[in-house]
Amino acid sequence: MNPDRDNYLRHLLALYCGLPHTAARRPFPADRRIAEQLFDRGISLEILEAAFLLAIARRTHRDPNAAPLAPIRSLAYFLPLIDEVLRQPPDPGYVSYLRSKLDQNVQISTDSPER
């Protein structure tokens, strides 16, 4: 196995399972396959973090009168947001802002010595 790949997969899946609004506390085999595909596509952990932050911010700060959303049950939920971030990367300052706002309730970070 490739140590960089293993580190990437471990970090990505731990980040995903630690997100609020997710039902998974352990990744399913399908989540691991998606994570492997993301690695093979060369999607950086920074891009993934931005997509996760956008998704959680949108879910957290939606109309309070709207019906509750079902928990996120698959890493596949984030694929459209990952593509959105790839097409139009958010300003790094905005990502930092989202992280700081969401860090009040949850820790989302790609702080890892190996990316």
PDB file of N, CA and C in Angstrom:
ATOM      1  N   MET A   1       0.836  -1.196   0.000  1.00  0.00           N
ATOM      2  CA  MET A   1       0.000   0.000   0.000  1.00  0.00           C
ATOM      3  C   MET A   1       0.876   1.252   0.000  1.00  0.00           C
ATOM      4  N   ASN A   2       0.310   2.304  -0.512  1.00  0.00           N
ATOM      5  CA  ASN A   2       0.958   3.602  -0.578  1.00  0.00           C
ATOM      6  C   ASN A   2       0.711   4.354   0.729  1.00  0.00           C
ATOM      7  N   PRO A   3       1.771   4.708   1.484  1.00  0.00           N
ATOM      8  CA  PRO A   3       1.558   5.410   2.758  1.00  0.00           C
ATOM      9  C   PRO A   3       0.832   6.744   2.595  1.00  0.00           C
ATOM     10  N   ASP A   4       1.104   7.470   1.511  1.00  0.00           N
ATOM     11  CA  ASP A   4       0.404   8.738   1.283  1.00  0.00           C
ATOM     12  C   ASP A   4      -1.089   8.490   1.073  1.00  0.00           C
ATOM     13  N   ARG A   5      -1.405   7.467   0.309  1.00  0.00           N
ATOM     14  CA  ARG A   5      -2.802   7.109   0.058  1.00  0.00           C
ATOM     15  C   ARG A   5      -3.484   6.696   1.365  1.00  0.00           C
ATOM     16  N   ASP A   6      -2.818   5.855   2.144  1.00  0.00           N
ATOM     17  CA  ASP A   6      -3.389   5.403   3.413  1.00  0.00           C
ATOM     18  C   ASP A   6      -3.639   6.578   4.351  1.00  0.00           C
ATOM     19  N   ASN A   7      -2.688   7.494   4.437  1.00  0.00           N
ATOM     20  CA  ASN A   7      -2.832   8.667   5.295  1.00  0.00           C
ATOM     21  C   ASN A   7      -3.999   9.535   4.817  1.00  0.00           C
ATOM     22  N   TYR A   8      -4.081   9.747   3.517  1.00  0.00           N
ATOM     23  CA  TYR A   8      -5.161  10.536   2.925  1.00  0.00           C
ATOM     24  C   TYR A   8      -6.516   9.905   3.256  1.00  0.00           C
ATOM     25  N   LEU A   9      -6.632   8.608   2.998  1.00  0.00           N
ATOM     26  CA  LEU A   9      -7.907   7.915   3.243  1.00  0.00           C
ATOM     27  C   LEU A   9      -8.285   7.961   4.720  1.00  0.00           C
ATOM     28  N   ARG A  10      -7.326   7.698   5.568  1.00  0.00           N
ATOM     29  CA  ARG A  10      -7.591   7.711   7.016  1.00  0.00           C
ATOM     30  C   ARG A  10      -8.063   9.104   7.459  1.00  0.00           C
ATOM     31  N   HIS A  11      -7.351  10.123   6.996  1.00  0.00           N
ATOM     32  CA  HIS A  11      -7.686  11.492   7.392  1.00  0.00           C
ATOM     33  C   HIS A  11      -9.045  11.912   6.836  1.00  0.00           C
ATOM     34  N   LEU A  12      -9.274  11.649   5.562  1.00  0.00           N
ATOM     35  CA  LEU A  12     -10.545  12.020   4.929  1.00  0.00           C
ATOM     36  C   LEU A  12     -11.720  11.322   5.601  1.00  0.00           C
ATOM     37  N   LEU A  13     -11.602  10.034   5.835  1.00  0.00           N
ATOM     38  CA  LEU A  13     -12.722   9.296   6.426  1.00  0.00           C
ATOM     39  C   LEU A  13     -12.970   9.696   7.879  1.00  0.00           C
ATOM     40  N   ALA A  14     -11.910   9.997   8.609  1.00  0.00           N
ATOM     41  CA  ALA A  14     -12.089  10.478   9.985  1.00  0.00           C
ATOM     42  C   ALA A  14     -12.762  11.849   9.980  1.00  0.00           C
ATOM     43  N   LEU A  15     -12.363  12.703   9.069  1.00  0.00           N
ATOM     44  CA  LEU A  15     -12.969  14.032   8.949  1.00  0.00           C
ATOM     45  C   LEU A  15     -14.457  13.898   8.616  1.00  0.00           C
ATOM     46  N   TYR A  16     -14.773  13.066   7.634  1.00  0.00           N
ATOM     47  CA  TYR A  16     -16.166  12.849   7.227  1.00  0.00           C
ATOM     48  C   TYR A  16     -17.004  12.301   8.395  1.00  0.00           C
ATOM     49  N   CYS A  17     -16.515  11.295   9.065  1.00  0.00           N
ATOM     50  CA  CYS A  17     -17.289  10.676  10.147  1.00  0.00           C
ATOM     51  C   CYS A  17     -17.444  11.600  11.351  1.00  0.00           C
ATOM     52  N   GLY A  18     -16.575  12.585  11.488  1.00  0.00           N
ATOM     53  CA  GLY A  18     -16.660  13.521  12.598  1.00  0.00           C
ATOM     54  C   GLY A  18     -17.528  14.731  12.327  1.00  0.00           C
ATOM     55  N   LEU A  19     -18.042  14.847  11.119  1.00  0.00           N
ATOM     56  CA  LEU A  19     -18.873  16.001  10.781  1.00  0.00           C
ATOM     57  C   LEU A  19     -20.226  15.946  11.477  1.00  0.00           C
ATOM     58  N   PRO A  20     -20.762  17.120  11.806  1.00  0.00           N
ATOM     59  CA  PRO A  20     -22.154  17.117  12.273  1.00  0.00           C
ATOM     60  C   PRO A  20     -23.058  16.790  11.090  1.00  0.00           C
ATOM     61  N   HIS A  21     -24.250  16.376  11.371  1.00  0.00           N
ATOM     62  CA  HIS A  21     -25.259  16.057  10.357  1.00  0.00           C
ATOM     63  C   HIS A  21     -24.975  14.742   9.643  1.00  0.00           C
ATOM     64  N   THR A  22     -23.932  14.008  10.038  1.00  0.00           N
ATOM     65  CA  THR A  22     -23.678  12.711   9.412  1.00  0.00           C
ATOM     66  C   THR A  22     -24.130  11.600  10.341  1.00  0.00           C
ATOM     67  N   ALA A  23     -24.653  10.554   9.741  1.00  0.00           N
ATOM     68  CA  ALA A  23     -25.114   9.411  10.518  1.00  0.00           C
ATOM     69  C   ALA A  23     -23.976   8.437  10.796  1.00  0.00           C
ATOM     70  N   ALA A  24     -22.924   8.491   9.970  1.00  0.00           N
ATOM     71  CA  ALA A  24     -21.836   7.516  10.074  1.00  0.00           C
ATOM     72  C   ALA A  24     -20.876   7.874  11.192  1.00  0.00           C
ATOM     73  N   ARG A  25     -20.605   6.944  12.042  1.00  0.00           N
ATOM     74  CA  ARG A  25     -19.546   7.106  13.028  1.00  0.00           C
ATOM     75  C   ARG A  25     -18.343   6.264  12.594  1.00  0.00           C
ATOM     76  N   ARG A  26     -18.600   5.385  11.656  1.00  0.00           N
ATOM     77  CA  ARG A  26     -17.554   4.610  10.997  1.00  0.00           C
ATOM     78  C   ARG A  26     -17.889   4.620   9.509  1.00  0.00           C
ATOM     79  N   PRO A  27     -16.873   4.706   8.658  1.00  0.00           N
ATOM     80  CA  PRO A  27     -17.176   4.745   7.222  1.00  0.00           C
ATOM     81  C   PRO A  27     -17.672   3.395   6.718  1.00  0.00           C
ATOM     82  N   PHE A  28     -18.588   3.460   5.800  1.00  0.00           N
ATOM     83  CA  PHE A  28     -19.071   2.265   5.126  1.00  0.00           C
ATOM     84  C   PHE A  28     -18.110   1.922   3.992  1.00  0.00           C
ATOM     85  N   PRO A  29     -18.140   0.688   3.495  1.00  0.00           N
ATOM     86  CA  PRO A  29     -17.258   0.333   2.363  1.00  0.00           C
ATOM     87  C   PRO A  29     -17.443   1.269   1.155  1.00  0.00           C
ATOM     88  N   ALA A  30     -18.661   1.695   0.895  1.00  0.00           N
ATOM     89  CA  ALA A  30     -18.893   2.610  -0.235  1.00  0.00           C
ATOM     90  C   ALA A  30     -18.199   3.951  -0.004  1.00  0.00           C
ATOM     91  N   ASP A  31     -18.159   4.410   1.246  1.00  0.00           N
ATOM     92  CA  ASP A  31     -17.462   5.657   1.569  1.00  0.00           C
ATOM     93  C   ASP A  31     -15.964   5.507   1.307  1.00  0.00           C
ATOM     94  N   ARG A  32     -15.431   4.370   1.665  1.00  0.00           N
ATOM     95  CA  ARG A  32     -14.000   4.124   1.413  1.00  0.00           C
ATOM     96  C   ARG A  32     -13.711   4.116  -0.085  1.00  0.00           C
ATOM     97  N   ARG A  33     -14.587   3.508  -0.874  1.00  0.00           N
ATOM     98  CA  ARG A  33     -14.391   3.501  -2.331  1.00  0.00           C
ATOM     99  C   ARG A  33     -14.430   4.924  -2.890  1.00  0.00           C
ATOM    100  N   ILE A  34     -15.351   5.741  -2.399  1.00  0.00           N
ATOM    101  CA  ILE A  34     -15.430   7.137  -2.847  1.00  0.00           C
ATOM    102  C   ILE A  34     -14.159   7.881  -2.439  1.00  0.00           C
ATOM    103  N   ALA A  35     -13.683   7.653  -1.228  1.00  0.00           N
ATOM    104  CA  ALA A  35     -12.450   8.296  -0.763  1.00  0.00           C
ATOM    105  C   ALA A  35     -11.275   7.878  -1.658  1.00  0.00           C
ATOM    106  N   GLU A  36     -11.222   6.620  -2.031  1.00  0.00           N
ATOM    107  CA  GLU A  36     -10.158   6.155  -2.927  1.00  0.00           C
ATOM    108  C   GLU A  36     -10.254   6.851  -4.285  1.00  0.00           C
ATOM    109  N   GLN A  37     -11.466   7.023  -4.785  1.00  0.00           N
ATOM    110  CA  GLN A  37     -11.652   7.716  -6.062  1.00  0.00           C
ATOM    111  C   GLN A  37     -11.220   9.173  -5.961  1.00  0.00           C
ATOM    112  N   LEU A  38     -11.515   9.813  -4.835  1.00  0.00           N
ATOM    113  CA  LEU A  38     -11.100  11.202  -4.636  1.00  0.00           C
ATOM    114  C   LEU A  38      -9.578  11.307  -4.613  1.00  0.00           C
ATOM    115  N   PHE A  39      -8.919  10.353  -3.963  1.00  0.00           N
ATOM    116  CA  PHE A  39      -7.457  10.336  -3.962  1.00  0.00           C
ATOM    117  C   PHE A  39      -6.941  10.157  -5.382  1.00  0.00           C
ATOM    118  N   ASP A  40      -7.525   9.202  -6.104  1.00  0.00           N
ATOM    119  CA  ASP A  40      -7.091   8.934  -7.476  1.00  0.00           C
ATOM    120  C   ASP A  40      -7.306  10.139  -8.388  1.00  0.00           C
ATOM    121  N   ARG A  41      -8.328  10.922  -8.109  1.00  0.00           N
ATOM    122  CA  ARG A  41      -8.584  12.148  -8.886  1.00  0.00           C
ATOM    123  C   ARG A  41      -7.646  13.284  -8.485  1.00  0.00           C
ATOM    124  N   GLY A  42      -6.925  13.115  -7.399  1.00  0.00           N
ATOM    125  CA  GLY A  42      -5.996  14.145  -6.944  1.00  0.00           C
ATOM    126  C   GLY A  42      -6.675  15.293  -6.219  1.00  0.00           C
ATOM    127  N   ILE A  43      -7.843  15.033  -5.626  1.00  0.00           N
ATOM    128  CA  ILE A  43      -8.572  16.064  -4.895  1.00  0.00           C
ATOM    129  C   ILE A  43      -7.872  16.280  -3.552  1.00  0.00           C
ATOM    130  N   SER A  44      -7.424  17.497  -3.317  1.00  0.00           N
ATOM    131  CA  SER A  44      -6.685  17.787  -2.079  1.00  0.00           C
ATOM    132  C   SER A  44      -7.617  17.788  -0.870  1.00  0.00           C
ATOM    133  N   LEU A  45      -7.018  17.571   0.283  1.00  0.00           N
ATOM    134  CA  LEU A  45      -7.780  17.640   1.524  1.00  0.00           C
ATOM    135  C   LEU A  45      -8.316  19.050   1.759  1.00  0.00           C
ATOM    136  N   GLU A  46      -7.623  20.064   1.266  1.00  0.00           N
ATOM    137  CA  GLU A  46      -8.103  21.440   1.408  1.00  0.00           C
ATOM    138  C   GLU A  46      -9.402  21.655   0.630  1.00  0.00           C
ATOM    139  N   ILE A  47      -9.472  21.094  -0.574  1.00  0.00           N
ATOM    140  CA  ILE A  47     -10.706  21.184  -1.373  1.00  0.00           C
ATOM    141  C   ILE A  47     -11.833  20.453  -0.659  1.00  0.00           C
ATOM    142  N   LEU A  48     -11.530  19.285  -0.126  1.00  0.00           N
ATOM    143  CA  LEU A  48     -12.545  18.511   0.592  1.00  0.00           C
ATOM    144  C   LEU A  48     -13.032  19.253   1.828  1.00  0.00           C
ATOM    145  N   GLU A  49     -12.104  19.849   2.556  1.00  0.00           N
ATOM    146  CA  GLU A  49     -12.496  20.608   3.740  1.00  0.00           C
ATOM    147  C   GLU A  49     -13.425  21.761   3.345  1.00  0.00           C
ATOM    148  N   ALA A  50     -13.090  22.470   2.282  1.00  0.00           N
ATOM    149  CA  ALA A  50     -13.929  23.586   1.830  1.00  0.00           C
ATOM    150  C   ALA A  50     -15.325  23.086   1.481  1.00  0.00           C
ATOM    151  N   ALA A  51     -15.410  21.969   0.782  1.00  0.00           N
ATOM    152  CA  ALA A  51     -16.721  21.410   0.421  1.00  0.00           C
ATOM    153  C   ALA A  51     -17.499  20.997   1.670  1.00  0.00           C
ATOM    154  N   PHE A  52     -16.825  20.355   2.620  1.00  0.00           N
ATOM    155  CA  PHE A  52     -17.484  19.962   3.862  1.00  0.00           C
ATOM    156  C   PHE A  52     -17.981  21.186   4.621  1.00  0.00           C
ATOM    157  N   LEU A  53     -17.142  22.203   4.722  1.00  0.00           N
ATOM    158  CA  LEU A  53     -17.529  23.422   5.432  1.00  0.00           C
ATOM    159  C   LEU A  53     -18.738  24.086   4.780  1.00  0.00           C
ATOM    160  N   LEU A  54     -18.729  24.180   3.456  1.00  0.00           N
ATOM    161  CA  LEU A  54     -19.869  24.779   2.758  1.00  0.00           C
ATOM    162  C   LEU A  54     -21.148  23.986   3.014  1.00  0.00           C
ATOM    163  N   ALA A  55     -21.048  22.670   2.919  1.00  0.00           N
ATOM    164  CA  ALA A  55     -22.234  21.836   3.125  1.00  0.00           C
ATOM    165  C   ALA A  55     -22.781  21.986   4.539  1.00  0.00           C
ATOM    166  N   ILE A  56     -21.909  21.915   5.518  1.00  0.00           N
ATOM    167  CA  ILE A  56     -22.366  22.004   6.911  1.00  0.00           C
ATOM    168  C   ILE A  56     -22.899  23.407   7.205  1.00  0.00           C
ATOM    169  N   ALA A  57     -22.253  24.429   6.674  1.00  0.00           N
ATOM    170  CA  ALA A  57     -22.748  25.799   6.872  1.00  0.00           C
ATOM    171  C   ALA A  57     -24.132  25.966   6.251  1.00  0.00           C
ATOM    172  N   ARG A  58     -24.326  25.440   5.062  1.00  0.00           N
ATOM    173  CA  ARG A  58     -25.631  25.553   4.401  1.00  0.00           C
ATOM    174  C   ARG A  58     -26.705  24.807   5.175  1.00  0.00           C
ATOM    175  N   ARG A  59     -26.353  23.647   5.701  1.00  0.00           N
ATOM    176  CA  ARG A  59     -27.331  22.881   6.479  1.00  0.00           C
ATOM    177  C   ARG A  59     -27.626  23.556   7.816  1.00  0.00           C
ATOM    178  N   THR A  60     -26.596  24.111   8.440  1.00  0.00           N
ATOM    179  CA  THR A  60     -26.731  24.709   9.761  1.00  0.00           C
ATOM    180  C   THR A  60     -27.487  26.034   9.720  1.00  0.00           C
ATOM    181  N   HIS A  61     -27.250  26.823   8.696  1.00  0.00           N
ATOM    182  CA  HIS A  61     -27.796  28.178   8.628  1.00  0.00           C
ATOM    183  C   HIS A  61     -28.908  28.309   7.596  1.00  0.00           C
ATOM    184  N   ARG A  62     -29.759  27.316   7.541  1.00  0.00           N
ATOM    185  CA  ARG A  62     -30.907  27.373   6.636  1.00  0.00           C
ATOM    186  C   ARG A  62     -32.124  27.899   7.380  1.00  0.00           C
ATOM    187  N   ASP A  63     -33.178  28.114   6.662  1.00  0.00           N
ATOM    188  CA  ASP A  63     -34.401  28.659   7.238  1.00  0.00           C
ATOM    189  C   ASP A  63     -34.841  27.804   8.434  1.00  0.00           C
ATOM    190  N   PRO A  64     -34.956  28.406   9.615  1.00  0.00           N
ATOM    191  CA  PRO A  64     -35.334  27.620  10.795  1.00  0.00           C
ATOM    192  C   PRO A  64     -36.754  27.064  10.714  1.00  0.00           C
ATOM    193  N   ASN A  65     -37.574  27.615   9.832  1.00  0.00           N
ATOM    194  CA  ASN A  65     -38.937  27.114   9.668  1.00  0.00           C
ATOM    195  C   ASN A  65     -39.025  25.969   8.664  1.00  0.00           C
ATOM    196  N   ALA A  66     -37.940  25.687   7.974  1.00  0.00           N
ATOM    197  CA  ALA A  66     -37.932  24.589   7.005  1.00  0.00           C
ATOM    198  C   ALA A  66     -37.955  23.253   7.742  1.00  0.00           C
ATOM    199  N   ALA A  67     -38.456  22.256   7.058  1.00  0.00           N
ATOM    200  CA  ALA A  67     -38.496  20.910   7.634  1.00  0.00           C
ATOM    201  C   ALA A  67     -37.068  20.429   7.899  1.00  0.00           C
ATOM    202  N   PRO A  68     -36.879  19.663   8.958  1.00  0.00           N
ATOM    203  CA  PRO A  68     -35.530  19.157   9.254  1.00  0.00           C
ATOM    204  C   PRO A  68     -35.012  18.271   8.120  1.00  0.00           C
ATOM    205  N   LEU A  69     -33.723  18.328   7.916  1.00  0.00           N
ATOM    206  CA  LEU A  69     -33.083  17.490   6.907  1.00  0.00           C
ATOM    207  C   LEU A  69     -32.692  16.156   7.523  1.00  0.00           C
ATOM    208  N   ALA A  70     -32.727  15.125   6.697  1.00  0.00           N
ATOM    209  CA  ALA A  70     -32.272  13.810   7.146  1.00  0.00           C
ATOM    210  C   ALA A  70     -30.756  13.853   7.316  1.00  0.00           C
ATOM    211  N   PRO A  71     -30.215  13.007   8.184  1.00  0.00           N
ATOM    212  CA  PRO A  71     -28.760  12.963   8.346  1.00  0.00           C
ATOM    213  C   PRO A  71     -28.073  12.566   7.035  1.00  0.00           C
ATOM    214  N   ILE A  72     -26.847  13.005   6.888  1.00  0.00           N
ATOM    215  CA  ILE A  72     -26.026  12.624   5.740  1.00  0.00           C
ATOM    216  C   ILE A  72     -25.579  11.188   5.968  1.00  0.00           C
ATOM    217  N   ARG A  73     -25.844  10.320   5.019  1.00  0.00           N
ATOM    218  CA  ARG A  73     -25.562   8.898   5.203  1.00  0.00           C
ATOM    219  C   ARG A  73     -24.444   8.372   4.318  1.00  0.00           C
ATOM    220  N   SER A  74     -23.891   9.253   3.481  1.00  0.00           N
ATOM    221  CA  SER A  74     -22.843   8.787   2.583  1.00  0.00           C
ATOM    222  C   SER A  74     -21.921   9.937   2.197  1.00  0.00           C
ATOM    223  N   LEU A  75     -20.677   9.609   1.990  1.00  0.00           N
ATOM    224  CA  LEU A  75     -19.714  10.580   1.488  1.00  0.00           C
ATOM    225  C   LEU A  75     -20.141  11.082   0.108  1.00  0.00           C
ATOM    226  N   ALA A  76     -20.944  10.301  -0.592  1.00  0.00           N
ATOM    227  CA  ALA A  76     -21.445  10.692  -1.919  1.00  0.00           C
ATOM    228  C   ALA A  76     -22.256  11.991  -1.855  1.00  0.00           C
ATOM    229  N   TYR A  77     -22.845  12.284  -0.721  1.00  0.00           N
ATOM    230  CA  TYR A  77     -23.608  13.526  -0.538  1.00  0.00           C
ATOM    231  C   TYR A  77     -22.765  14.740  -0.914  1.00  0.00           C
ATOM    232  N   PHE A  78     -21.470  14.681  -0.637  1.00  0.00           N
ATOM    233  CA  PHE A  78     -20.588  15.826  -0.833  1.00  0.00           C
ATOM    234  C   PHE A  78     -20.041  15.950  -2.246  1.00  0.00           C
ATOM    235  N   LEU A  79     -20.232  14.945  -3.096  1.00  0.00           N
ATOM    236  CA  LEU A  79     -19.640  14.977  -4.435  1.00  0.00           C
ATOM    237  C   LEU A  79     -20.053  16.207  -5.250  1.00  0.00           C
ATOM    238  N   PRO A  80     -21.326  16.603  -5.275  1.00  0.00           N
ATOM    239  CA  PRO A  80     -21.663  17.824  -6.019  1.00  0.00           C
ATOM    240  C   PRO A  80     -20.979  19.070  -5.459  1.00  0.00           C
ATOM    241  N   LEU A  81     -20.841  19.144  -4.147  1.00  0.00           N
ATOM    242  CA  LEU A  81     -20.155  20.294  -3.544  1.00  0.00           C
ATOM    243  C   LEU A  81     -18.663  20.278  -3.849  1.00  0.00           C
ATOM    244  N   ILE A  82     -18.076  19.104  -3.895  1.00  0.00           N
ATOM    245  CA  ILE A  82     -16.661  19.000  -4.261  1.00  0.00           C
ATOM    246  C   ILE A  82     -16.471  19.518  -5.681  1.00  0.00           C
ATOM    247  N   ASP A  83     -17.360  19.106  -6.590  1.00  0.00           N
ATOM    248  CA  ASP A  83     -17.277  19.599  -7.965  1.00  0.00           C
ATOM    249  C   ASP A  83     -17.498  21.110  -8.035  1.00  0.00           C
ATOM    250  N   GLU A  84     -18.425  21.618  -7.224  1.00  0.00           N
ATOM    251  CA  GLU A  84     -18.664  23.064  -7.165  1.00  0.00           C
ATOM    252  C   GLU A  84     -17.406  23.808  -6.718  1.00  0.00           C
ATOM    253  N   VAL A  85     -16.748  23.304  -5.683  1.00  0.00           N
ATOM    254  CA  VAL A  85     -15.536  23.943  -5.167  1.00  0.00           C
ATOM    255  C   VAL A  85     -14.404  23.853  -6.197  1.00  0.00           C
ATOM    256  N   LEU A  86     -14.341  22.761  -6.930  1.00  0.00           N
ATOM    257  CA  LEU A  86     -13.320  22.638  -7.977  1.00  0.00           C
ATOM    258  C   LEU A  86     -13.561  23.641  -9.105  1.00  0.00           C
ATOM    259  N   ARG A  87     -14.825  23.818  -9.474  1.00  0.00           N
ATOM    260  CA  ARG A  87     -15.175  24.771 -10.547  1.00  0.00           C
ATOM    261  C   ARG A  87     -14.954  26.209 -10.111  1.00  0.00           C
ATOM    262  N   GLN A  88     -15.332  26.494  -8.885  1.00  0.00           N
ATOM    263  CA  GLN A  88     -15.268  27.866  -8.389  1.00  0.00           C
ATOM    264  C   GLN A  88     -14.791  27.843  -6.935  1.00  0.00           C
ATOM    265  N   PRO A  89     -13.472  27.780  -6.742  1.00  0.00           N
ATOM    266  CA  PRO A  89     -12.952  27.710  -5.372  1.00  0.00           C
ATOM    267  C   PRO A  89     -13.334  28.948  -4.567  1.00  0.00           C
ATOM    268  N   PRO A  90     -13.799  28.736  -3.341  1.00  0.00           N
ATOM    269  CA  PRO A  90     -14.118  29.894  -2.489  1.00  0.00           C
ATOM    270  C   PRO A  90     -12.837  30.608  -2.063  1.00  0.00           C
ATOM    271  N   ASP A  91     -12.976  31.863  -1.763  1.00  0.00           N
ATOM    272  CA  ASP A  91     -11.856  32.647  -1.263  1.00  0.00           C
ATOM    273  C   ASP A  91     -11.342  31.997   0.026  1.00  0.00           C
ATOM    274  N   PRO A  92     -10.030  31.856   0.184  1.00  0.00           N
ATOM    275  CA  PRO A  92      -9.491  31.249   1.415  1.00  0.00           C
ATOM    276  C   PRO A  92      -9.950  31.969   2.682  1.00  0.00           C
ATOM    277  N   GLY A  93     -10.142  33.269   2.595  1.00  0.00           N
ATOM    278  CA  GLY A  93     -10.636  34.011   3.755  1.00  0.00           C
ATOM    279  C   GLY A  93     -12.046  33.589   4.127  1.00  0.00           C
ATOM    280  N   TYR A  94     -12.859  33.286   3.122  1.00  0.00           N
ATOM    281  CA  TYR A  94     -14.226  32.828   3.381  1.00  0.00           C
ATOM    282  C   TYR A  94     -14.208  31.441   4.029  1.00  0.00           C
ATOM    283  N   VAL A  95     -13.324  30.581   3.551  1.00  0.00           N
ATOM    284  CA  VAL A  95     -13.196  29.244   4.151  1.00  0.00           C
ATOM    285  C   VAL A  95     -12.770  29.370   5.614  1.00  0.00           C
ATOM    286  N   SER A  96     -11.824  30.272   5.885  1.00  0.00           N
ATOM    287  CA  SER A  96     -11.397  30.507   7.272  1.00  0.00           C
ATOM    288  C   SER A  96     -12.553  31.035   8.117  1.00  0.00           C
ATOM    289  N   TYR A  97     -13.335  31.926   7.534  1.00  0.00           N
ATOM    290  CA  TYR A  97     -14.503  32.473   8.234  1.00  0.00           C
ATOM    291  C   TYR A  97     -15.489  31.349   8.570  1.00  0.00           C
ATOM    292  N   LEU A  98     -15.790  30.498   7.582  1.00  0.00           N
ATOM    293  CA  LEU A  98     -16.708  29.384   7.845  1.00  0.00           C
ATOM    294  C   LEU A  98     -16.154  28.474   8.932  1.00  0.00           C
ATOM    295  N   ARG A  99     -14.863  28.191   8.848  1.00  0.00           N
ATOM    296  CA  ARG A  99     -14.243  27.321   9.847  1.00  0.00           C
ATOM    297  C   ARG A  99     -14.385  27.930  11.235  1.00  0.00           C
ATOM    298  N   SER A 100     -14.133  29.231  11.351  1.00  0.00           N
ATOM    299  CA  SER A 100     -14.218  29.867  12.666  1.00  0.00           C
ATOM    300  C   SER A 100     -15.653  29.868  13.188  1.00  0.00           C
ATOM    301  N   LYS A 101     -16.612  30.097  12.310  1.00  0.00           N
ATOM    302  CA  LYS A 101     -18.017  30.084  12.734  1.00  0.00           C
ATOM    303  C   LYS A 101     -18.451  28.686  13.146  1.00  0.00           C
ATOM    304  N   LEU A 102     -18.057  27.698  12.375  1.00  0.00           N
ATOM    305  CA  LEU A 102     -18.482  26.340  12.675  1.00  0.00           C
ATOM    306  C   LEU A 102     -17.662  25.716  13.795  1.00  0.00           C
ATOM    307  N   ASP A 103     -16.425  26.190  13.996  1.00  0.00           N
ATOM    308  CA  ASP A 103     -15.595  25.662  15.075  1.00  0.00           C
ATOM    309  C   ASP A 103     -16.200  25.922  16.444  1.00  0.00           C
ATOM    310  N   GLN A 104     -17.104  26.877  16.516  1.00  0.00           N
ATOM    311  CA  GLN A 104     -17.767  27.137  17.787  1.00  0.00           C
ATOM    312  C   GLN A 104     -18.589  25.927  18.216  1.00  0.00           C
ATOM    313  N   ASN A 105     -19.045  25.151  17.226  1.00  0.00           N
ATOM    314  CA  ASN A 105     -19.882  23.988  17.515  1.00  0.00           C
ATOM    315  C   ASN A 105     -19.211  22.659  17.199  1.00  0.00           C
ATOM    316  N   VAL A 106     -18.270  22.693  16.273  1.00  0.00           N
ATOM    317  CA  VAL A 106     -17.670  21.433  15.819  1.00  0.00           C
ATOM    318  C   VAL A 106     -16.272  21.712  15.300  1.00  0.00           C
ATOM    319  N   GLN A 107     -15.399  20.748  15.441  1.00  0.00           N
ATOM    320  CA  GLN A 107     -14.042  20.882  14.926  1.00  0.00           C
ATOM    321  C   GLN A 107     -13.976  20.277  13.532  1.00  0.00           C
ATOM    322  N   ILE A 108     -13.731  21.123  12.537  1.00  0.00           N
ATOM    323  CA  ILE A 108     -13.531  20.659  11.170  1.00  0.00           C
ATOM    324  C   ILE A 108     -12.185  21.216  10.742  1.00  0.00           C
ATOM    325  N   SER A 109     -11.242  20.337  10.491  1.00  0.00           N
ATOM    326  CA  SER A 109      -9.930  20.832  10.099  1.00  0.00           C
ATOM    327  C   SER A 109      -9.141  19.732   9.414  1.00  0.00           C
ATOM    328  N   THR A 110      -8.354  20.134   8.433  1.00  0.00           N
ATOM    329  CA  THR A 110      -7.464  19.194   7.775  1.00  0.00           C
ATOM    330  C   THR A 110      -6.067  19.320   8.349  1.00  0.00           C
ATOM    331  N   ASP A 111      -5.941  19.841   9.570  1.00  0.00           N
ATOM    332  CA  ASP A 111      -4.621  19.962  10.175  1.00  0.00           C
ATOM    333  C   ASP A 111      -3.979  18.590  10.244  1.00  0.00           C
ATOM    334  N   SER A 112      -3.057  18.376   9.363  1.00  0.00           N
ATOM    335  CA  SER A 112      -2.369  17.098   9.284  1.00  0.00           C
ATOM    336  C   SER A 112      -0.963  17.365   8.777  1.00  0.00           C
ATOM    337  N   PRO A 113       0.028  16.716   9.338  1.00  0.00           N
ATOM    338  CA  PRO A 113       1.381  16.972   8.873  1.00  0.00           C
ATOM    339  C   PRO A 113       1.584  16.507   7.437  1.00  0.00           C
ATOM    340  N   GLU A 114       0.812  15.517   7.003  1.00  0.00           N
ATOM    341  CA  GLU A 114       0.955  15.006   5.643  1.00  0.00           C
ATOM    342  C   GLU A 114      -0.335  15.228   4.912  1.00  0.00           C
ATOM    343  N   ARG A 115      -0.284  15.970   3.799  1.00  0.00           N
ATOM    344  CA  ARG A 115      -1.490  16.209   3.011  1.00  0.00           C
ATOM    345  C   ARG A 115      -1.329  15.604   1.659  1.00  0.00           C
TER     346      ARG A 115
END
